Amino acid sequence: MKIAVPANGRDLSNPVADRFARAEFFIIYDDSTGNFDVLENSSLGSHGAGPRVVQFLASQGVDVLIVPGMGQNAFGAMMAAGLRAYLAVPGSVGENIELFKSGKLEEMRFPTRAG
């Protein structure tokens, strides 16, 4: 399973970004190997970034998103792509991945922001 987390830096010790589609980086963690890749957000600053980011992450084979929240357009794109999202808690990317793996993050069932 591949897990994508918006990040404020390039490794697992960095905090989860406070905005999903406006994050500078995405860390893609492969649960089967424990390896991760860092991708720069090419949609940063563009209008309608949420759905584009979701489509990009889906094209990278991502199954799950750990996010601080997302708006209705990104949420709709996520549902259409067949992805699941979980709400991040304050802390590092690595801490949130471990919380997800132990079943301690809340699954996102509705958009958390307008727009």
C-alpha atoms as a PDB file:
ATOM      1  CA  MET A   1       0.000   0.000   0.000  1.00  0.00           C
ATOM      2  CA  LYS A   2       1.232   3.495  -0.827  1.00  0.00           C
ATOM      3  CA  ILE A   3       0.435   6.332   1.557  1.00  0.00           C
ATOM      4  CA  ALA A   4       0.752  10.014   0.552  1.00  0.00           C
ATOM      5  CA  VAL A   5       1.244  12.752   3.134  1.00  0.00           C
ATOM      6  CA  PRO A   6       1.618  16.505   2.414  1.00  0.00           C
ATOM      7  CA  ALA A   7       4.828  17.605   4.106  1.00  0.00           C
ATOM      8  CA  ASN A   8       6.744  20.706   5.126  1.00  0.00           C
ATOM      9  CA  GLY A   9      10.019  19.043   4.193  1.00  0.00           C
ATOM     10  CA  ARG A  10      11.678  16.117   2.521  1.00  0.00           C
ATOM     11  CA  ASP A  11      11.683  13.433   5.206  1.00  0.00           C
ATOM     12  CA  LEU A  12       9.540  11.550   7.690  1.00  0.00           C
ATOM     13  CA  SER A  13      10.594  13.745  10.620  1.00  0.00           C
ATOM     14  CA  ASN A  14       9.116  16.876   9.034  1.00  0.00           C
ATOM     15  CA  PRO A  15       5.655  18.070  10.086  1.00  0.00           C
ATOM     16  CA  VAL A  16       2.545  17.312   8.079  1.00  0.00           C
ATOM     17  CA  ALA A  17       1.718  20.417   6.007  1.00  0.00           C
ATOM     18  CA  ASP A  18      -1.291  22.372   7.205  1.00  0.00           C
ATOM     19  CA  ARG A  19      -2.836  22.539   3.714  1.00  0.00           C
ATOM     20  CA  PHE A  20      -3.266  19.522   1.458  1.00  0.00           C
ATOM     21  CA  ALA A  21      -3.115  20.885  -2.099  1.00  0.00           C
ATOM     22  CA  ARG A  22      -0.837  23.807  -1.174  1.00  0.00           C
ATOM     23  CA  ALA A  23       1.881  21.657   0.426  1.00  0.00           C
ATOM     24  CA  GLU A  24       5.336  22.115  -1.038  1.00  0.00           C
ATOM     25  CA  PHE A  25       6.098  18.381  -0.905  1.00  0.00           C
ATOM     26  CA  PHE A  26       4.341  15.037  -0.768  1.00  0.00           C
ATOM     27  CA  ILE A  27       5.949  12.049   0.856  1.00  0.00           C
ATOM     28  CA  ILE A  28       4.872   8.767  -0.694  1.00  0.00           C
ATOM     29  CA  TYR A  29       5.492   5.955   1.785  1.00  0.00           C
ATOM     30  CA  ASP A  30       5.431   2.333   0.617  1.00  0.00           C
ATOM     31  CA  ASP A  31       4.064   0.259   3.492  1.00  0.00           C
ATOM     32  CA  SER A  32       5.359  -3.017   2.002  1.00  0.00           C
ATOM     33  CA  THR A  33       9.010  -1.883   1.845  1.00  0.00           C
ATOM     34  CA  GLY A  34       9.248   0.976   4.357  1.00  0.00           C
ATOM     35  CA  ASN A  35      10.806   3.150   1.641  1.00  0.00           C
ATOM     36  CA  PHE A  36       9.560   6.588   0.676  1.00  0.00           C
ATOM     37  CA  ASP A  37       9.833   9.049  -2.194  1.00  0.00           C
ATOM     38  CA  VAL A  38       9.515  12.811  -2.033  1.00  0.00           C
ATOM     39  CA  LEU A  39       7.610  14.603  -4.786  1.00  0.00           C
ATOM     40  CA  GLU A  40       7.431  18.349  -5.293  1.00  0.00           C
ATOM     41  CA  ASN A  41       3.952  19.787  -5.716  1.00  0.00           C
ATOM     42  CA  SER A  42       3.795  21.019  -9.305  1.00  0.00           C
ATOM     43  CA  SER A  43       0.287  22.429  -8.695  1.00  0.00           C
ATOM     44  CA  LEU A  44       1.474  24.720  -5.908  1.00  0.00           C
ATOM     45  CA  GLY A  45      -0.139  28.131  -6.275  1.00  0.00           C
ATOM     46  CA  SER A  46      -2.436  27.204  -9.155  1.00  0.00           C
ATOM     47  CA  HIS A  47      -6.214  27.581  -9.099  1.00  0.00           C
ATOM     48  CA  GLY A  48      -8.061  24.283  -8.683  1.00  0.00           C
ATOM     49  CA  ALA A  49      -4.985  22.546  -7.279  1.00  0.00           C
ATOM     50  CA  GLY A  50      -6.912  20.041  -5.126  1.00  0.00           C
ATOM     51  CA  PRO A  51      -8.316  17.811  -7.878  1.00  0.00           C
ATOM     52  CA  ARG A  52      -5.042  18.014  -9.847  1.00  0.00           C
ATOM     53  CA  VAL A  53      -3.031  16.944  -6.817  1.00  0.00           C
ATOM     54  CA  VAL A  54      -5.395  14.028  -6.160  1.00  0.00           C
ATOM     55  CA  GLN A  55      -5.150  12.886  -9.794  1.00  0.00           C
ATOM     56  CA  PHE A  56      -1.359  13.160  -9.705  1.00  0.00           C
ATOM     57  CA  LEU A  57      -1.091  11.136  -6.489  1.00  0.00           C
ATOM     58  CA  ALA A  58      -3.462   8.492  -7.868  1.00  0.00           C
ATOM     59  CA  SER A  59      -1.256   8.243 -10.973  1.00  0.00           C
ATOM     60  CA  GLN A  60       1.675   7.485  -8.640  1.00  0.00           C
ATOM     61  CA  GLY A  61      -0.154   4.419  -7.299  1.00  0.00           C
ATOM     62  CA  VAL A  62      -1.205   5.997  -4.005  1.00  0.00           C
ATOM     63  CA  ASP A  63      -3.968   4.156  -2.127  1.00  0.00           C
ATOM     64  CA  VAL A  64      -4.349   6.302   1.008  1.00  0.00           C
ATOM     65  CA  LEU A  65      -3.956   9.986   1.854  1.00  0.00           C
ATOM     66  CA  ILE A  66      -3.166  11.336   5.309  1.00  0.00           C
ATOM     67  CA  VAL A  67      -4.247  14.973   5.217  1.00  0.00           C
ATOM     68  CA  PRO A  68      -5.007  17.932   7.482  1.00  0.00           C
ATOM     69  CA  GLY A  69      -8.311  18.249   5.609  1.00  0.00           C
ATOM     70  CA  MET A  70      -9.467  19.004   2.087  1.00  0.00           C
ATOM     71  CA  GLY A  71     -12.118  20.940   0.264  1.00  0.00           C
ATOM     72  CA  GLN A  72     -15.087  19.581  -1.620  1.00  0.00           C
ATOM     73  CA  ASN A  73     -13.438  19.574  -5.063  1.00  0.00           C
ATOM     74  CA  ALA A  74     -10.391  17.602  -3.880  1.00  0.00           C
ATOM     75  CA  PHE A  75     -12.652  15.317  -1.843  1.00  0.00           C
ATOM     76  CA  GLY A  76     -14.809  14.604  -4.911  1.00  0.00           C
ATOM     77  CA  ALA A  77     -11.704  13.837  -6.987  1.00  0.00           C
ATOM     78  CA  MET A  78     -10.437  11.548  -4.236  1.00  0.00           C
ATOM     79  CA  MET A  79     -13.718   9.626  -4.143  1.00  0.00           C
ATOM     80  CA  ALA A  80     -13.771   9.357  -7.947  1.00  0.00           C
ATOM     81  CA  ALA A  81     -10.206   7.987  -7.913  1.00  0.00           C
ATOM     82  CA  GLY A  82     -11.137   5.357  -5.327  1.00  0.00           C
ATOM     83  CA  LEU A  83      -8.716   6.655  -2.698  1.00  0.00           C
ATOM     84  CA  ARG A  84      -9.292   6.837   1.051  1.00  0.00           C
ATOM     85  CA  ALA A  85      -8.219   9.736   3.270  1.00  0.00           C
ATOM     86  CA  TYR A  86      -7.480   9.934   6.976  1.00  0.00           C
ATOM     87  CA  LEU A  87      -7.231  13.070   9.079  1.00  0.00           C
ATOM     88  CA  ALA A  88      -3.717  13.914  10.232  1.00  0.00           C
ATOM     89  CA  VAL A  89      -2.984  14.929  13.798  1.00  0.00           C
ATOM     90  CA  PRO A  90      -0.327  17.492  14.774  1.00  0.00           C
ATOM     91  CA  GLY A  91       3.077  15.884  14.440  1.00  0.00           C
ATOM     92  CA  SER A  92       5.509  14.514  11.918  1.00  0.00           C
ATOM     93  CA  VAL A  93       4.809  12.629   8.726  1.00  0.00           C
ATOM     94  CA  GLY A  94       6.354   9.499  10.267  1.00  0.00           C
ATOM     95  CA  GLU A  95       4.242   9.756  13.425  1.00  0.00           C
ATOM     96  CA  ASN A  96       1.076  10.060  11.342  1.00  0.00           C
ATOM     97  CA  ILE A  97       2.018   7.058   9.209  1.00  0.00           C
ATOM     98  CA  GLU A  98       2.540   4.981  12.363  1.00  0.00           C
ATOM     99  CA  LEU A  99      -0.810   6.162  13.768  1.00  0.00           C
ATOM    100  CA  PHE A 100      -2.505   5.183  10.490  1.00  0.00           C
ATOM    101  CA  LYS A 101      -0.862   1.747  10.507  1.00  0.00           C
ATOM    102  CA  SER A 102      -2.087   1.152  14.062  1.00  0.00           C
ATOM    103  CA  GLY A 103      -5.654   2.225  13.162  1.00  0.00           C
ATOM    104  CA  LYS A 104      -5.607   5.417  15.233  1.00  0.00           C
ATOM    105  CA  LEU A 105      -6.442   8.022  12.565  1.00  0.00           C
ATOM    106  CA  GLU A 106     -10.021   8.995  11.743  1.00  0.00           C
ATOM    107  CA  GLU A 107     -11.172   8.229   8.219  1.00  0.00           C
ATOM    108  CA  MET A 108     -12.350  11.310   6.362  1.00  0.00           C
ATOM    109  CA  ARG A 109     -15.963  10.863   5.264  1.00  0.00           C
ATOM    110  CA  PHE A 110     -16.813  14.452   4.221  1.00  0.00           C
ATOM    111  CA  PRO A 111     -14.903  17.492   2.942  1.00  0.00           C
ATOM    112  CA  THR A 112     -13.593  19.646   5.775  1.00  0.00           C
ATOM    113  CA  ARG A 113     -13.411  22.975   3.923  1.00  0.00           C
ATOM    114  CA  ALA A 114     -15.585  24.809   1.436  1.00  0.00           C
ATOM    115  CA  GLY A 115     -14.304  25.192  -2.105  1.00  0.00           C
END
